[in-house]
Amino acid sequence: MATILLEVATPDKGEVFAKEINMLICRSIAGELGILPKHARLLTELIPHAMRIKVDGGETQLFIGGGFMEVTPEKITILADSAETPDSIDVERAKSAYKRAEERVNSFNKGDTEIDIKRAEAALARAKARLLVKGVPIP
């Protein structure tokens, strides 16, 4: 089966993932994308999500905290704000972050104008994506 090189890097960790893959399923600001080998050139912004990576009939996930993706026919390069493999995610910390962010969003919806709703929604999306990568049900 044909492959394409996927490289994921962050400013603080450097290279997080580098491997030949069969398919990438990710979320951009325009919606969900499926990237296969020989894909057309593409440059897009990514939103926080649980990125799906298909390799040799199996699938793994990687947390992406937003960033940018460049695709060429031979290579996918992701420069992520943050990225974590499933084994590096602290489930209890992600659950706590989810709960805090959900409480902030609910407070805003009840009229608390002191809450920065964009920031609270972004924190909620990141926590949810981390839990999805770990396979943990969303509380």
C-alpha atoms as a PDB file:
ATOM      1  CA  MET A   1       0.000   0.000   0.000  1.00  0.00           C
ATOM      2  CA  ALA A   2       1.225   3.514  -0.814  1.00  0.00           C
ATOM      3  CA  THR A   3       2.521   5.706   2.007  1.00  0.00           C
ATOM      4  CA  ILE A   4       3.140   9.361   2.739  1.00  0.00           C
ATOM      5  CA  LEU A   5       5.538  10.796   5.336  1.00  0.00           C
ATOM      6  CA  LEU A   6       3.872  12.506   8.303  1.00  0.00           C
ATOM      7  CA  GLU A   7       5.977  14.809  10.461  1.00  0.00           C
ATOM      8  CA  VAL A   8       4.510  16.575  13.505  1.00  0.00           C
ATOM      9  CA  ALA A   9       6.533  19.132  15.460  1.00  0.00           C
ATOM     10  CA  THR A  10       5.865  21.674  18.219  1.00  0.00           C
ATOM     11  CA  PRO A  11       7.840  24.735  19.324  1.00  0.00           C
ATOM     12  CA  ASP A  12       8.619  23.297  22.780  1.00  0.00           C
ATOM     13  CA  LYS A  13       9.066  19.560  22.057  1.00  0.00           C
ATOM     14  CA  GLY A  14      10.443  19.600  18.529  1.00  0.00           C
ATOM     15  CA  GLU A  15       9.566  16.479  16.563  1.00  0.00           C
ATOM     16  CA  VAL A  16       6.695  14.566  18.188  1.00  0.00           C
ATOM     17  CA  PHE A  17       5.890  12.109  15.391  1.00  0.00           C
ATOM     18  CA  ALA A  18       7.595  11.100  12.142  1.00  0.00           C
ATOM     19  CA  LYS A  19       6.525   8.032  10.196  1.00  0.00           C
ATOM     20  CA  GLU A  20       5.370   6.781   6.825  1.00  0.00           C
ATOM     21  CA  ILE A  21       1.572   6.424   7.022  1.00  0.00           C
ATOM     22  CA  ASN A  22      -1.272   5.278   4.776  1.00  0.00           C
ATOM     23  CA  MET A  23      -3.847   7.960   5.646  1.00  0.00           C
ATOM     24  CA  LEU A  24      -4.363  10.956   7.907  1.00  0.00           C
ATOM     25  CA  ILE A  25      -7.755  12.179   9.114  1.00  0.00           C
ATOM     26  CA  CYS A  26      -7.611  15.618  10.716  1.00  0.00           C
ATOM     27  CA  ARG A  27      -9.707  18.714  11.410  1.00  0.00           C
ATOM     28  CA  SER A  28      -8.973  22.040   9.821  1.00  0.00           C
ATOM     29  CA  ILE A  29     -10.811  25.331  10.191  1.00  0.00           C
ATOM     30  CA  ALA A  30     -12.723  24.329   7.031  1.00  0.00           C
ATOM     31  CA  GLY A  31     -13.777  20.901   8.345  1.00  0.00           C
ATOM     32  CA  GLU A  32     -12.544  17.309   8.415  1.00  0.00           C
ATOM     33  CA  LEU A  33      -9.886  16.265   5.895  1.00  0.00           C
ATOM     34  CA  GLY A  34      -8.663  12.882   4.731  1.00  0.00           C
ATOM     35  CA  ILE A  35      -5.122  12.929   3.353  1.00  0.00           C
ATOM     36  CA  LEU A  36      -3.780  10.069   1.234  1.00  0.00           C
ATOM     37  CA  PRO A  37      -0.433   9.614  -0.562  1.00  0.00           C
ATOM     38  CA  LYS A  38      -0.121  11.821  -3.683  1.00  0.00           C
ATOM     39  CA  HIS A  39      -2.589  14.352  -2.230  1.00  0.00           C
ATOM     40  CA  ALA A  40      -2.801  17.763  -3.892  1.00  0.00           C
ATOM     41  CA  ARG A  41      -0.810  20.568  -2.303  1.00  0.00           C
ATOM     42  CA  LEU A  42      -2.615  22.125   0.639  1.00  0.00           C
ATOM     43  CA  LEU A  43      -1.928  24.625   3.404  1.00  0.00           C
ATOM     44  CA  THR A  44      -4.475  24.962   6.212  1.00  0.00           C
ATOM     45  CA  GLU A  45      -4.946  25.889   9.840  1.00  0.00           C
ATOM     46  CA  LEU A  46      -5.781  23.059  12.247  1.00  0.00           C
ATOM     47  CA  ILE A  47      -8.114  23.241  15.230  1.00  0.00           C
ATOM     48  CA  PRO A  48      -7.662  21.262  18.475  1.00  0.00           C
ATOM     49  CA  HIS A  49      -8.672  17.656  17.823  1.00  0.00           C
ATOM     50  CA  ALA A  50      -7.836  13.975  18.050  1.00  0.00           C
ATOM     51  CA  MET A  51      -5.982  13.355  14.784  1.00  0.00           C
ATOM     52  CA  ARG A  52      -6.373   9.822  13.349  1.00  0.00           C
ATOM     53  CA  ILE A  53      -3.372   8.138  11.722  1.00  0.00           C
ATOM     54  CA  LYS A  54      -3.822   4.958   9.696  1.00  0.00           C
ATOM     55  CA  VAL A  55      -0.762   2.718   9.257  1.00  0.00           C
ATOM     56  CA  ASP A  56      -0.627  -0.864   7.927  1.00  0.00           C
ATOM     57  CA  GLY A  57      -4.275  -1.661   8.688  1.00  0.00           C
ATOM     58  CA  GLY A  58      -4.117  -0.201  12.208  1.00  0.00           C
ATOM     59  CA  GLU A  59      -4.994   3.192  13.592  1.00  0.00           C
ATOM     60  CA  THR A  60      -3.511   5.461  16.233  1.00  0.00           C
ATOM     61  CA  GLN A  61      -4.447   8.921  17.413  1.00  0.00           C
ATOM     62  CA  LEU A  62      -2.459  12.007  18.274  1.00  0.00           C
ATOM     63  CA  PHE A  63      -3.685  15.071  20.178  1.00  0.00           C
ATOM     64  CA  ILE A  64      -3.202  18.270  18.183  1.00  0.00           C
ATOM     65  CA  GLY A  65      -3.766  21.545  20.011  1.00  0.00           C
ATOM     66  CA  GLY A  66      -4.112  23.614  16.832  1.00  0.00           C
ATOM     67  CA  GLY A  67      -1.494  24.801  14.372  1.00  0.00           C
ATOM     68  CA  PHE A  68      -0.797  24.577  10.656  1.00  0.00           C
ATOM     69  CA  MET A  69      -0.524  21.752   8.141  1.00  0.00           C
ATOM     70  CA  GLU A  70       1.256  21.714   4.796  1.00  0.00           C
ATOM     71  CA  VAL A  71       0.603  18.841   2.411  1.00  0.00           C
ATOM     72  CA  THR A  72       2.611  17.930  -0.685  1.00  0.00           C
ATOM     73  CA  PRO A  73       2.162  14.744  -2.717  1.00  0.00           C
ATOM     74  CA  GLU A  74       5.035  13.110  -0.761  1.00  0.00           C
ATOM     75  CA  LYS A  75       4.836  14.642   2.726  1.00  0.00           C
ATOM     76  CA  ILE A  76       2.535  16.045   5.429  1.00  0.00           C
ATOM     77  CA  THR A  77       4.125  18.586   7.770  1.00  0.00           C
ATOM     78  CA  ILE A  78       2.253  19.725  10.866  1.00  0.00           C
ATOM     79  CA  LEU A  79       3.532  22.591  12.980  1.00  0.00           C
ATOM     80  CA  ALA A  80       1.324  22.253  16.047  1.00  0.00           C
ATOM     81  CA  ASP A  81       0.853  24.593  18.991  1.00  0.00           C
ATOM     82  CA  SER A  82       0.944  21.409  21.086  1.00  0.00           C
ATOM     83  CA  ALA A  83       0.848  17.691  20.296  1.00  0.00           C
ATOM     84  CA  GLU A  84       0.724  14.617  22.519  1.00  0.00           C
ATOM     85  CA  THR A  85       0.837  10.890  21.948  1.00  0.00           C
ATOM     86  CA  PRO A  86      -1.727   8.764  23.826  1.00  0.00           C
ATOM     87  CA  ASP A  87       0.867   7.527  26.343  1.00  0.00           C
ATOM     88  CA  SER A  88       1.903  11.080  27.271  1.00  0.00           C
ATOM     89  CA  ILE A  89      -1.611  12.310  28.153  1.00  0.00           C
ATOM     90  CA  ASP A  90      -2.476  12.568  31.850  1.00  0.00           C
ATOM     91  CA  VAL A  91      -6.138  11.475  31.993  1.00  0.00           C
ATOM     92  CA  GLU A  92      -6.886  12.980  35.421  1.00  0.00           C
ATOM     93  CA  ARG A  93      -5.414  16.316  34.371  1.00  0.00           C
ATOM     94  CA  ALA A  94      -7.473  16.255  31.133  1.00  0.00           C
ATOM     95  CA  LYS A  95     -10.659  15.427  33.083  1.00  0.00           C
ATOM     96  CA  SER A  96      -9.997  18.319  35.486  1.00  0.00           C
ATOM     97  CA  ALA A  97      -9.341  20.708  32.606  1.00  0.00           C
ATOM     98  CA  TYR A  98     -12.542  19.568  30.903  1.00  0.00           C
ATOM     99  CA  LYS A  99     -14.571  20.119  34.077  1.00  0.00           C
ATOM    100  CA  ARG A 100     -13.075  23.602  34.677  1.00  0.00           C
ATOM    101  CA  ALA A 101     -13.645  24.689  31.077  1.00  0.00           C
ATOM    102  CA  GLU A 102     -17.189  23.311  31.054  1.00  0.00           C
ATOM    103  CA  GLU A 103     -17.961  25.240  34.260  1.00  0.00           C
ATOM    104  CA  ARG A 104     -16.642  28.467  32.680  1.00  0.00           C
ATOM    105  CA  VAL A 105     -18.757  27.977  29.556  1.00  0.00           C
ATOM    106  CA  ASN A 106     -21.836  27.275  31.693  1.00  0.00           C
ATOM    107  CA  SER A 107     -21.158  30.378  33.810  1.00  0.00           C
ATOM    108  CA  PHE A 108     -20.931  32.491  30.676  1.00  0.00           C
ATOM    109  CA  ASN A 109     -24.195  31.014  29.390  1.00  0.00           C
ATOM    110  CA  LYS A 110     -25.838  31.965  32.708  1.00  0.00           C
ATOM    111  CA  GLY A 111     -24.790  35.602  32.259  1.00  0.00           C
ATOM    112  CA  ASP A 112     -21.300  35.874  33.780  1.00  0.00           C
ATOM    113  CA  THR A 113     -19.781  38.480  31.470  1.00  0.00           C
ATOM    114  CA  GLU A 114     -16.397  38.251  33.223  1.00  0.00           C
ATOM    115  CA  ILE A 115     -15.754  34.905  31.490  1.00  0.00           C
ATOM    116  CA  ASP A 116     -13.639  34.984  28.311  1.00  0.00           C
ATOM    117  CA  ILE A 117     -15.862  32.614  26.326  1.00  0.00           C
ATOM    118  CA  LYS A 118     -13.446  32.121  23.414  1.00  0.00           C
ATOM    119  CA  ARG A 119     -10.721  31.036  25.809  1.00  0.00           C
ATOM    120  CA  ALA A 120     -13.088  28.761  27.743  1.00  0.00           C
ATOM    121  CA  GLU A 121     -14.355  27.103  24.546  1.00  0.00           C
ATOM    122  CA  ALA A 122     -10.795  26.568  23.317  1.00  0.00           C
ATOM    123  CA  ALA A 123      -9.812  24.969  26.648  1.00  0.00           C
ATOM    124  CA  LEU A 124     -12.889  22.726  26.462  1.00  0.00           C
ATOM    125  CA  ALA A 125     -12.001  21.619  22.901  1.00  0.00           C
ATOM    126  CA  ARG A 126      -8.406  20.799  23.903  1.00  0.00           C
ATOM    127  CA  ALA A 127      -9.477  18.792  26.962  1.00  0.00           C
ATOM    128  CA  LYS A 128     -12.109  16.917  24.966  1.00  0.00           C
ATOM    129  CA  ALA A 129      -9.563  16.026  22.254  1.00  0.00           C
ATOM    130  CA  ARG A 130      -7.070  14.737  24.835  1.00  0.00           C
ATOM    131  CA  LEU A 131      -9.736  12.491  26.375  1.00  0.00           C
ATOM    132  CA  LEU A 132     -10.747  11.192  22.933  1.00  0.00           C
ATOM    133  CA  VAL A 133      -7.120  10.302  22.121  1.00  0.00           C
ATOM    134  CA  LYS A 134      -6.970   8.277  25.346  1.00  0.00           C
ATOM    135  CA  GLY A 135     -10.305   6.610  24.598  1.00  0.00           C
ATOM    136  CA  VAL A 136     -11.892   8.034  27.737  1.00  0.00           C
ATOM    137  CA  PRO A 137     -15.639   8.805  27.625  1.00  0.00           C
ATOM    138  CA  ILE A 138     -16.358  12.514  27.819  1.00  0.00           C
ATOM    139  CA  PRO A 139     -17.736  13.310  31.291  1.00  0.00           C
END
